[in-house]
Amino acid sequence: MDTISKILIYAGFSGITVFIGGLLGNAFNNHIKKRVVKYEISHAAIAFGGGIILSAVALVLVPKGLEELSLWPMLLSFGLGSVIFFLIDKNLEQKGGKMSQLLAMLMDFVPESIALGALFASDPSTGTLLAIFIGLQNLPEAFNSFRDMVVSGFTVKKTLVLMFLLSFAGIAGALIGHFMLRDYPGVTAHLMVFASGGILYLLFQDIVPNSRMKHHHWGALGACLGFMVGMIGEKVL
C-alpha cells in the first residue's frame, strides 16, 4: 500500500470518529432517560477523552518535537500555542454561539491532522499512532459537542450533517501536511509542539474541570483509562 493510500485510510479513521461521536450522542439523548446516568456517562466520556489527549501530547507530539528542536525554539512554539489557544478560547467564550463547540474541536483536530500527514513520509509508525490518538480523542469530544449543540438550538439533522462534513477535515489537513511539510521536519516539529501547548491549555481550562463529578471519584479513572490506551498504542506500534 502506498503512502497516500495509508494517509487517506488513517486520516479518514481519525476524522470519521467525529461523525460516529455525533451518532452516539444522538442515541444517548434518545435512549438514556435517567438524568444521573446521563451526568455520569457524559463526565466519564470527557475524562476519557482528556486521558487520550494527554497521552497524545506526552507520547507523540512533544517527544517528536524534542527530537528536532533545540530548547528555545521549542519553548517559543509551545508558549505561542498556549497563548493563541487561550485567545481563541476566550474569544469563543465571549461570543458564545452555536458554532463554538465545533470550532473548539477544530482547534486541536486540524494541526494534529496536518502533523499526521507530514509524519507519514518519514515515520509511518508514529503517524499511525497519532491517527489513532486523534480518532479516539475526537469520539468523546464529538459525543459531548453534539449534545451541547442541540441544547444551544441546532436541530439534530443539521448537527449531524455538520459533523459528517467536519469528518473530512482530517483528510484535508493530512494531505496538506504530507504535500507541503513532508520535506520540512523542523516545521512539522514546530507545529506539533505548538499544538501541544494549545492542547495542554484546553485540557486544564475546559476538559479537566468539566470531567469532575460531585460526590463521585471514579470518573477520574476514565482519564487514567484513556492514557492507558495511549500507552498500549505506543508499545504495540
C-alpha atoms as a PDB file:
ATOM      1  CA  MET A   1       0.000   0.000   0.000  1.00  0.00           C
ATOM      2  CA  ASP A   2       1.449   3.394  -0.986  1.00  0.00           C
ATOM      3  CA  THR A   3       1.838   6.341   1.373  1.00  0.00           C
ATOM      4  CA  ILE A   4      -1.119   8.338   0.022  1.00  0.00           C
ATOM      5  CA  SER A   5      -3.468   5.390   0.474  1.00  0.00           C
ATOM      6  CA  LYS A   6      -2.304   4.965   4.068  1.00  0.00           C
ATOM      7  CA  ILE A   7      -2.820   8.653   4.757  1.00  0.00           C
ATOM      8  CA  LEU A   8      -6.351   8.519   3.344  1.00  0.00           C
ATOM      9  CA  ILE A   9      -7.201   5.451   5.423  1.00  0.00           C
ATOM     10  CA  TYR A  10      -5.746   6.618   8.731  1.00  0.00           C
ATOM     11  CA  ALA A  11      -6.786  10.254   8.365  1.00  0.00           C
ATOM     12  CA  GLY A  12     -10.229   9.015   7.339  1.00  0.00           C
ATOM     13  CA  PHE A  13     -10.408   6.952  10.529  1.00  0.00           C
ATOM     14  CA  SER A  14      -9.282   9.892  12.668  1.00  0.00           C
ATOM     15  CA  GLY A  15     -11.991  12.064  11.134  1.00  0.00           C
ATOM     16  CA  ILE A  16     -14.955   9.698  10.870  1.00  0.00           C
ATOM     17  CA  THR A  17     -14.997   9.316  14.646  1.00  0.00           C
ATOM     18  CA  VAL A  18     -16.340  12.885  14.769  1.00  0.00           C
ATOM     19  CA  PHE A  19     -19.481  11.709  12.963  1.00  0.00           C
ATOM     20  CA  ILE A  20     -19.626   8.480  14.987  1.00  0.00           C
ATOM     21  CA  GLY A  21     -19.395  10.512  18.192  1.00  0.00           C
ATOM     22  CA  GLY A  22     -22.326  12.608  16.990  1.00  0.00           C
ATOM     23  CA  LEU A  23     -24.388   9.494  16.252  1.00  0.00           C
ATOM     24  CA  LEU A  24     -23.592   8.106  19.706  1.00  0.00           C
ATOM     25  CA  GLY A  25     -24.580  11.439  21.247  1.00  0.00           C
ATOM     26  CA  ASN A  26     -27.909  11.306  19.418  1.00  0.00           C
ATOM     27  CA  ALA A  27     -28.560   7.725  20.541  1.00  0.00           C
ATOM     28  CA  PHE A  28     -27.564   8.681  24.070  1.00  0.00           C
ATOM     29  CA  ASN A  29     -30.056  11.554  24.128  1.00  0.00           C
ATOM     30  CA  ASN A  30     -32.865   9.368  22.800  1.00  0.00           C
ATOM     31  CA  HIS A  31     -32.356   6.200  24.841  1.00  0.00           C
ATOM     32  CA  ILE A  32     -30.813   7.239  28.171  1.00  0.00           C
ATOM     33  CA  LYS A  33     -33.540   8.875  30.232  1.00  0.00           C
ATOM     34  CA  LYS A  34     -32.175   8.961  33.778  1.00  0.00           C
ATOM     35  CA  ARG A  35     -30.510  12.306  34.464  1.00  0.00           C
ATOM     36  CA  VAL A  36     -27.982  10.861  36.931  1.00  0.00           C
ATOM     37  CA  VAL A  37     -26.864   8.212  34.435  1.00  0.00           C
ATOM     38  CA  LYS A  38     -26.525  10.849  31.696  1.00  0.00           C
ATOM     39  CA  TYR A  39     -24.472  13.007  34.018  1.00  0.00           C
ATOM     40  CA  GLU A  40     -22.113  10.175  34.928  1.00  0.00           C
ATOM     41  CA  ILE A  41     -21.619   8.898  31.381  1.00  0.00           C
ATOM     42  CA  SER A  42     -21.016  12.348  29.882  1.00  0.00           C
ATOM     43  CA  HIS A  43     -18.435  13.245  32.535  1.00  0.00           C
ATOM     44  CA  ALA A  44     -16.705   9.873  32.184  1.00  0.00           C
ATOM     45  CA  ALA A  45     -16.534  10.444  28.406  1.00  0.00           C
ATOM     46  CA  ILE A  46     -14.940  13.858  28.946  1.00  0.00           C
ATOM     47  CA  ALA A  47     -12.382  12.341  31.334  1.00  0.00           C
ATOM     48  CA  PHE A  48     -11.572   9.508  28.899  1.00  0.00           C
ATOM     49  CA  GLY A  49     -11.046  11.996  26.083  1.00  0.00           C
ATOM     50  CA  GLY A  50      -8.795  14.052  28.352  1.00  0.00           C
ATOM     51  CA  GLY A  51      -6.642  10.998  29.055  1.00  0.00           C
ATOM     52  CA  ILE A  52      -6.300  10.299  25.334  1.00  0.00           C
ATOM     53  CA  ILE A  53      -5.360  13.916  24.612  1.00  0.00           C
ATOM     54  CA  LEU A  54      -2.758  13.904  27.382  1.00  0.00           C
ATOM     55  CA  SER A  55      -1.246  10.684  26.042  1.00  0.00           C
ATOM     56  CA  ALA A  56      -1.008  12.206  22.546  1.00  0.00           C
ATOM     57  CA  VAL A  57       0.893  15.188  23.954  1.00  0.00           C
ATOM     58  CA  ALA A  58       3.132  13.144  26.252  1.00  0.00           C
ATOM     59  CA  LEU A  59       3.885  10.188  23.982  1.00  0.00           C
ATOM     60  CA  VAL A  60       3.893  11.604  20.442  1.00  0.00           C
ATOM     61  CA  LEU A  61       3.689  15.360  19.961  1.00  0.00           C
ATOM     62  CA  VAL A  62       6.242  16.615  22.484  1.00  0.00           C
ATOM     63  CA  PRO A  63       8.747  13.718  22.093  1.00  0.00           C
ATOM     64  CA  LYS A  64       8.843  14.183  18.300  1.00  0.00           C
ATOM     65  CA  GLY A  65       9.287  17.908  18.782  1.00  0.00           C
ATOM     66  CA  LEU A  66      12.165  17.305  21.205  1.00  0.00           C
ATOM     67  CA  GLU A  67      13.944  15.213  18.584  1.00  0.00           C
ATOM     68  CA  GLU A  68      14.046  18.046  16.055  1.00  0.00           C
ATOM     69  CA  LEU A  69      14.111  21.287  18.047  1.00  0.00           C
ATOM     70  CA  SER A  70      16.562  22.913  20.407  1.00  0.00           C
ATOM     71  CA  LEU A  71      15.382  24.300  23.734  1.00  0.00           C
ATOM     72  CA  TRP A  72      14.447  27.903  22.972  1.00  0.00           C
ATOM     73  CA  PRO A  73      12.671  27.331  19.648  1.00  0.00           C
ATOM     74  CA  MET A  74      10.732  24.513  21.292  1.00  0.00           C
ATOM     75  CA  LEU A  75       9.708  26.706  24.233  1.00  0.00           C
ATOM     76  CA  LEU A  76       8.734  29.523  21.864  1.00  0.00           C
ATOM     77  CA  SER A  77       6.427  27.267  19.820  1.00  0.00           C
ATOM     78  CA  PHE A  78       4.915  25.680  22.915  1.00  0.00           C
ATOM     79  CA  GLY A  79       4.293  29.047  24.562  1.00  0.00           C
ATOM     80  CA  LEU A  80       2.890  30.518  21.351  1.00  0.00           C
ATOM     81  CA  GLY A  81       0.458  27.617  21.030  1.00  0.00           C
ATOM     82  CA  SER A  82      -0.690  28.075  24.621  1.00  0.00           C
ATOM     83  CA  VAL A  83      -1.274  31.812  24.206  1.00  0.00           C
ATOM     84  CA  ILE A  84      -3.029  31.571  20.830  1.00  0.00           C
ATOM     85  CA  PHE A  85      -5.364  28.811  22.010  1.00  0.00           C
ATOM     86  CA  PHE A  86      -6.058  30.905  25.122  1.00  0.00           C
ATOM     87  CA  LEU A  87      -7.006  33.917  22.987  1.00  0.00           C
ATOM     88  CA  ILE A  88      -9.214  31.845  20.671  1.00  0.00           C
ATOM     89  CA  ASP A  89     -10.894  30.085  23.593  1.00  0.00           C
ATOM     90  CA  LYS A  90     -11.515  33.397  25.354  1.00  0.00           C
ATOM     91  CA  ASN A  91     -12.995  34.883  22.179  1.00  0.00           C
ATOM     92  CA  LEU A  92     -15.281  31.882  21.676  1.00  0.00           C
ATOM     93  CA  GLU A  93     -16.449  32.077  25.277  1.00  0.00           C
ATOM     94  CA  GLN A  94     -17.260  35.789  24.953  1.00  0.00           C
ATOM     95  CA  LYS A  95     -19.133  35.369  21.674  1.00  0.00           C
ATOM     96  CA  GLY A  96     -20.814  32.122  22.628  1.00  0.00           C
ATOM     97  CA  GLY A  97     -22.997  30.985  19.759  1.00  0.00           C
ATOM     98  CA  LYS A  98     -23.896  27.633  18.347  1.00  0.00           C
ATOM     99  CA  MET A  99     -20.620  27.025  16.493  1.00  0.00           C
ATOM    100  CA  SER A 100     -18.252  27.493  19.419  1.00  0.00           C
ATOM    101  CA  GLN A 101     -18.233  23.773  20.306  1.00  0.00           C
ATOM    102  CA  LEU A 102     -17.266  22.681  16.796  1.00  0.00           C
ATOM    103  CA  LEU A 103     -14.662  25.434  16.477  1.00  0.00           C
ATOM    104  CA  ALA A 104     -13.122  24.348  19.762  1.00  0.00           C
ATOM    105  CA  MET A 105     -12.844  20.788  18.425  1.00  0.00           C
ATOM    106  CA  LEU A 106     -11.180  22.038  15.238  1.00  0.00           C
ATOM    107  CA  MET A 107      -8.545  23.894  17.253  1.00  0.00           C
ATOM    108  CA  ASP A 108      -6.670  20.690  18.046  1.00  0.00           C
ATOM    109  CA  PHE A 109      -8.013  18.429  15.285  1.00  0.00           C
ATOM    110  CA  VAL A 110      -6.627  20.427  12.330  1.00  0.00           C
ATOM    111  CA  PRO A 111      -2.996  20.978  13.463  1.00  0.00           C
ATOM    112  CA  GLU A 112      -2.738  17.364  14.612  1.00  0.00           C
ATOM    113  CA  SER A 113      -4.028  16.169  11.229  1.00  0.00           C
ATOM    114  CA  ILE A 114      -1.507  18.315   9.365  1.00  0.00           C
ATOM    115  CA  ALA A 115       1.288  16.870  11.517  1.00  0.00           C
ATOM    116  CA  LEU A 116      -0.088  13.370  10.838  1.00  0.00           C
ATOM    117  CA  GLY A 117       0.249  13.814   7.072  1.00  0.00           C
ATOM    118  CA  ALA A 118       3.768  15.203   7.345  1.00  0.00           C
ATOM    119  CA  LEU A 119       4.882  12.362   9.639  1.00  0.00           C
ATOM    120  CA  PHE A 120       3.816   9.604   7.268  1.00  0.00           C
ATOM    121  CA  ALA A 121       6.653  10.484   4.877  1.00  0.00           C
ATOM    122  CA  SER A 122       9.417   9.924   7.447  1.00  0.00           C
ATOM    123  CA  ASP A 123       7.885   7.929  10.308  1.00  0.00           C
ATOM    124  CA  PRO A 124       4.784   5.926   9.297  1.00  0.00           C
ATOM    125  CA  SER A 125       4.504   4.130  12.648  1.00  0.00           C
ATOM    126  CA  THR A 126       4.326   7.415  14.577  1.00  0.00           C
ATOM    127  CA  GLY A 127       1.880   8.774  12.003  1.00  0.00           C
ATOM    128  CA  THR A 128      -0.305   5.717  12.532  1.00  0.00           C
ATOM    129  CA  LEU A 129      -0.158   6.148  16.305  1.00  0.00           C
ATOM    130  CA  LEU A 130      -1.074   9.828  16.021  1.00  0.00           C
ATOM    131  CA  ALA A 131      -4.032   8.940  13.774  1.00  0.00           C
ATOM    132  CA  ILE A 132      -5.303   6.522  16.433  1.00  0.00           C
ATOM    133  CA  PHE A 133      -4.915   9.152  19.137  1.00  0.00           C
ATOM    134  CA  ILE A 134      -6.763  11.765  17.083  1.00  0.00           C
ATOM    135  CA  GLY A 135      -9.581   9.365  16.271  1.00  0.00           C
ATOM    136  CA  LEU A 136     -10.033   8.269  19.875  1.00  0.00           C
ATOM    137  CA  GLN A 137      -9.972  11.811  21.253  1.00  0.00           C
ATOM    138  CA  ASN A 138     -12.468  13.016  18.616  1.00  0.00           C
ATOM    139  CA  LEU A 139     -15.002  10.391  19.689  1.00  0.00           C
ATOM    140  CA  PRO A 140     -15.784  11.720  23.199  1.00  0.00           C
ATOM    141  CA  GLU A 141     -15.291  15.337  22.059  1.00  0.00           C
ATOM    142  CA  ALA A 142     -17.910  14.906  19.332  1.00  0.00           C
ATOM    143  CA  PHE A 143     -20.187  12.978  21.713  1.00  0.00           C
ATOM    144  CA  ASN A 144     -20.327  15.927  24.090  1.00  0.00           C
ATOM    145  CA  SER A 145     -20.285  18.589  21.353  1.00  0.00           C
ATOM    146  CA  PHE A 146     -23.388  17.028  19.765  1.00  0.00           C
ATOM    147  CA  ARG A 147     -25.355  17.364  22.976  1.00  0.00           C
ATOM    148  CA  ASP A 148     -24.137  20.933  23.556  1.00  0.00           C
ATOM    149  CA  MET A 149     -25.060  21.998  20.014  1.00  0.00           C
ATOM    150  CA  VAL A 150     -28.553  20.508  20.209  1.00  0.00           C
ATOM    151  CA  VAL A 151     -29.131  22.226  23.553  1.00  0.00           C
ATOM    152  CA  SER A 152     -27.932  25.537  22.065  1.00  0.00           C
ATOM    153  CA  GLY A 153     -30.516  25.379  19.270  1.00  0.00           C
ATOM    154  CA  PHE A 154     -29.221  23.276  16.384  1.00  0.00           C
ATOM    155  CA  THR A 155     -31.540  20.592  15.020  1.00  0.00           C
ATOM    156  CA  VAL A 156     -30.336  17.005  15.254  1.00  0.00           C
ATOM    157  CA  LYS A 157     -30.167  16.702  11.450  1.00  0.00           C
ATOM    158  CA  LYS A 158     -28.138  19.893  10.986  1.00  0.00           C
ATOM    159  CA  THR A 159     -25.758  18.935  13.782  1.00  0.00           C
ATOM    160  CA  LEU A 160     -25.095  15.503  12.283  1.00  0.00           C
ATOM    161  CA  VAL A 161     -24.609  16.968   8.796  1.00  0.00           C
ATOM    162  CA  LEU A 162     -22.046  19.435  10.143  1.00  0.00           C
ATOM    163  CA  MET A 163     -20.231  16.675  11.993  1.00  0.00           C
ATOM    164  CA  PHE A 164     -20.204  14.499   8.883  1.00  0.00           C
ATOM    165  CA  LEU A 165     -18.636  17.316   6.858  1.00  0.00           C
ATOM    166  CA  LEU A 166     -16.160  18.023   9.647  1.00  0.00           C
ATOM    167  CA  SER A 167     -15.060  14.382   9.496  1.00  0.00           C
ATOM    168  CA  PHE A 168     -13.277  15.154   6.208  1.00  0.00           C
ATOM    169  CA  ALA A 169     -11.195  17.943   7.764  1.00  0.00           C
ATOM    170  CA  GLY A 170      -8.736  15.298   8.936  1.00  0.00           C
ATOM    171  CA  ILE A 171      -8.130  14.022   5.401  1.00  0.00           C
ATOM    172  CA  ALA A 172      -7.734  17.554   4.052  1.00  0.00           C
ATOM    173  CA  GLY A 173      -5.308  18.504   6.832  1.00  0.00           C
ATOM    174  CA  ALA A 174      -3.278  15.310   6.446  1.00  0.00           C
ATOM    175  CA  LEU A 175      -2.906  15.774   2.676  1.00  0.00           C
ATOM    176  CA  ILE A 176      -1.836  19.394   3.165  1.00  0.00           C
ATOM    177  CA  GLY A 177       0.720  18.283   5.729  1.00  0.00           C
ATOM    178  CA  HIS A 178       2.050  15.499   3.518  1.00  0.00           C
ATOM    179  CA  PHE A 179       2.497  17.531   0.347  1.00  0.00           C
ATOM    180  CA  MET A 180       3.636  20.784   1.960  1.00  0.00           C
ATOM    181  CA  LEU A 181       5.584  19.726   5.058  1.00  0.00           C
ATOM    182  CA  ARG A 182       6.987  16.252   4.392  1.00  0.00           C
ATOM    183  CA  ASP A 183      10.378  17.742   3.428  1.00  0.00           C
ATOM    184  CA  TYR A 184      10.419  20.138   6.385  1.00  0.00           C
ATOM    185  CA  PRO A 185      10.713  18.086   9.588  1.00  0.00           C
ATOM    186  CA  GLY A 186      11.643  21.200  11.576  1.00  0.00           C
ATOM    187  CA  VAL A 187       8.421  22.945  10.586  1.00  0.00           C
ATOM    188  CA  THR A 188       6.436  19.812  11.419  1.00  0.00           C
ATOM    189  CA  ALA A 189       8.122  19.652  14.831  1.00  0.00           C
ATOM    190  CA  HIS A 190       7.212  23.285  15.493  1.00  0.00           C
ATOM    191  CA  LEU A 191       3.609  22.536  14.535  1.00  0.00           C
ATOM    192  CA  MET A 192       3.462  19.542  16.876  1.00  0.00           C
ATOM    193  CA  VAL A 193       4.900  21.469  19.815  1.00  0.00           C
ATOM    194  CA  PHE A 194       2.645  24.434  19.023  1.00  0.00           C
ATOM    195  CA  ALA A 195      -0.376  22.104  19.071  1.00  0.00           C
ATOM    196  CA  SER A 196       0.872  20.572  22.336  1.00  0.00           C
ATOM    197  CA  GLY A 197       0.883  23.944  24.060  1.00  0.00           C
ATOM    198  CA  GLY A 198      -2.632  24.699  22.882  1.00  0.00           C
ATOM    199  CA  ILE A 199      -3.967  21.261  23.729  1.00  0.00           C
ATOM    200  CA  LEU A 200      -2.485  21.379  27.224  1.00  0.00           C
ATOM    201  CA  TYR A 201      -4.148  24.754  27.771  1.00  0.00           C
ATOM    202  CA  LEU A 202      -7.533  23.377  26.641  1.00  0.00           C
ATOM    203  CA  LEU A 203      -7.045  20.272  28.750  1.00  0.00           C
ATOM    204  CA  PHE A 204      -6.730  22.178  32.019  1.00  0.00           C
ATOM    205  CA  GLN A 205      -9.030  25.050  31.106  1.00  0.00           C
ATOM    206  CA  ASP A 206     -12.015  23.116  29.767  1.00  0.00           C
ATOM    207  CA  ILE A 207     -11.687  19.337  29.865  1.00  0.00           C
ATOM    208  CA  VAL A 208     -10.363  18.599  33.359  1.00  0.00           C
ATOM    209  CA  PRO A 209     -12.779  20.955  35.203  1.00  0.00           C
ATOM    210  CA  ASN A 210     -15.756  19.617  33.212  1.00  0.00           C
ATOM    211  CA  SER A 211     -14.829  15.987  33.862  1.00  0.00           C
ATOM    212  CA  ARG A 212     -15.068  16.272  37.636  1.00  0.00           C
ATOM    213  CA  MET A 213     -18.221  14.866  39.253  1.00  0.00           C
ATOM    214  CA  LYS A 214     -19.595  15.939  42.600  1.00  0.00           C
ATOM    215  CA  HIS A 215     -19.780  13.093  45.125  1.00  0.00           C
ATOM    216  CA  HIS A 216     -18.077  10.715  42.674  1.00  0.00           C
ATOM    217  CA  HIS A 217     -14.383   9.907  42.409  1.00  0.00           C
ATOM    218  CA  TRP A 218     -14.437   7.044  39.928  1.00  0.00           C
ATOM    219  CA  GLY A 219     -14.973   9.348  36.937  1.00  0.00           C
ATOM    220  CA  ALA A 220     -11.310  10.360  37.040  1.00  0.00           C
ATOM    221  CA  LEU A 221     -10.462   6.731  36.288  1.00  0.00           C
ATOM    222  CA  GLY A 222     -11.744   7.458  32.782  1.00  0.00           C
ATOM    223  CA  ALA A 223      -8.749   9.750  32.280  1.00  0.00           C
ATOM    224  CA  CYS A 224      -6.413   7.023  33.505  1.00  0.00           C
ATOM    225  CA  LEU A 225      -8.047   4.542  31.128  1.00  0.00           C
ATOM    226  CA  GLY A 226      -7.642   6.975  28.231  1.00  0.00           C
ATOM    227  CA  PHE A 227      -3.939   7.407  28.985  1.00  0.00           C
ATOM    228  CA  MET A 228      -3.532   3.631  29.261  1.00  0.00           C
ATOM    229  CA  VAL A 229      -4.955   3.303  25.747  1.00  0.00           C
ATOM    230  CA  GLY A 230      -2.201   5.673  24.598  1.00  0.00           C
ATOM    231  CA  MET A 231       0.423   3.591  26.393  1.00  0.00           C
ATOM    232  CA  ILE A 232      -0.859   0.441  24.688  1.00  0.00           C
ATOM    233  CA  GLY A 233      -0.679   2.126  21.292  1.00  0.00           C
ATOM    234  CA  GLU A 234       2.869   3.310  21.967  1.00  0.00           C
ATOM    235  CA  LYS A 235       4.038  -0.204  22.877  1.00  0.00           C
ATOM    236  CA  VAL A 236       2.182  -2.041  20.122  1.00  0.00           C
ATOM    237  CA  LEU A 237       3.181   0.325  17.321  1.00  0.00           C
END
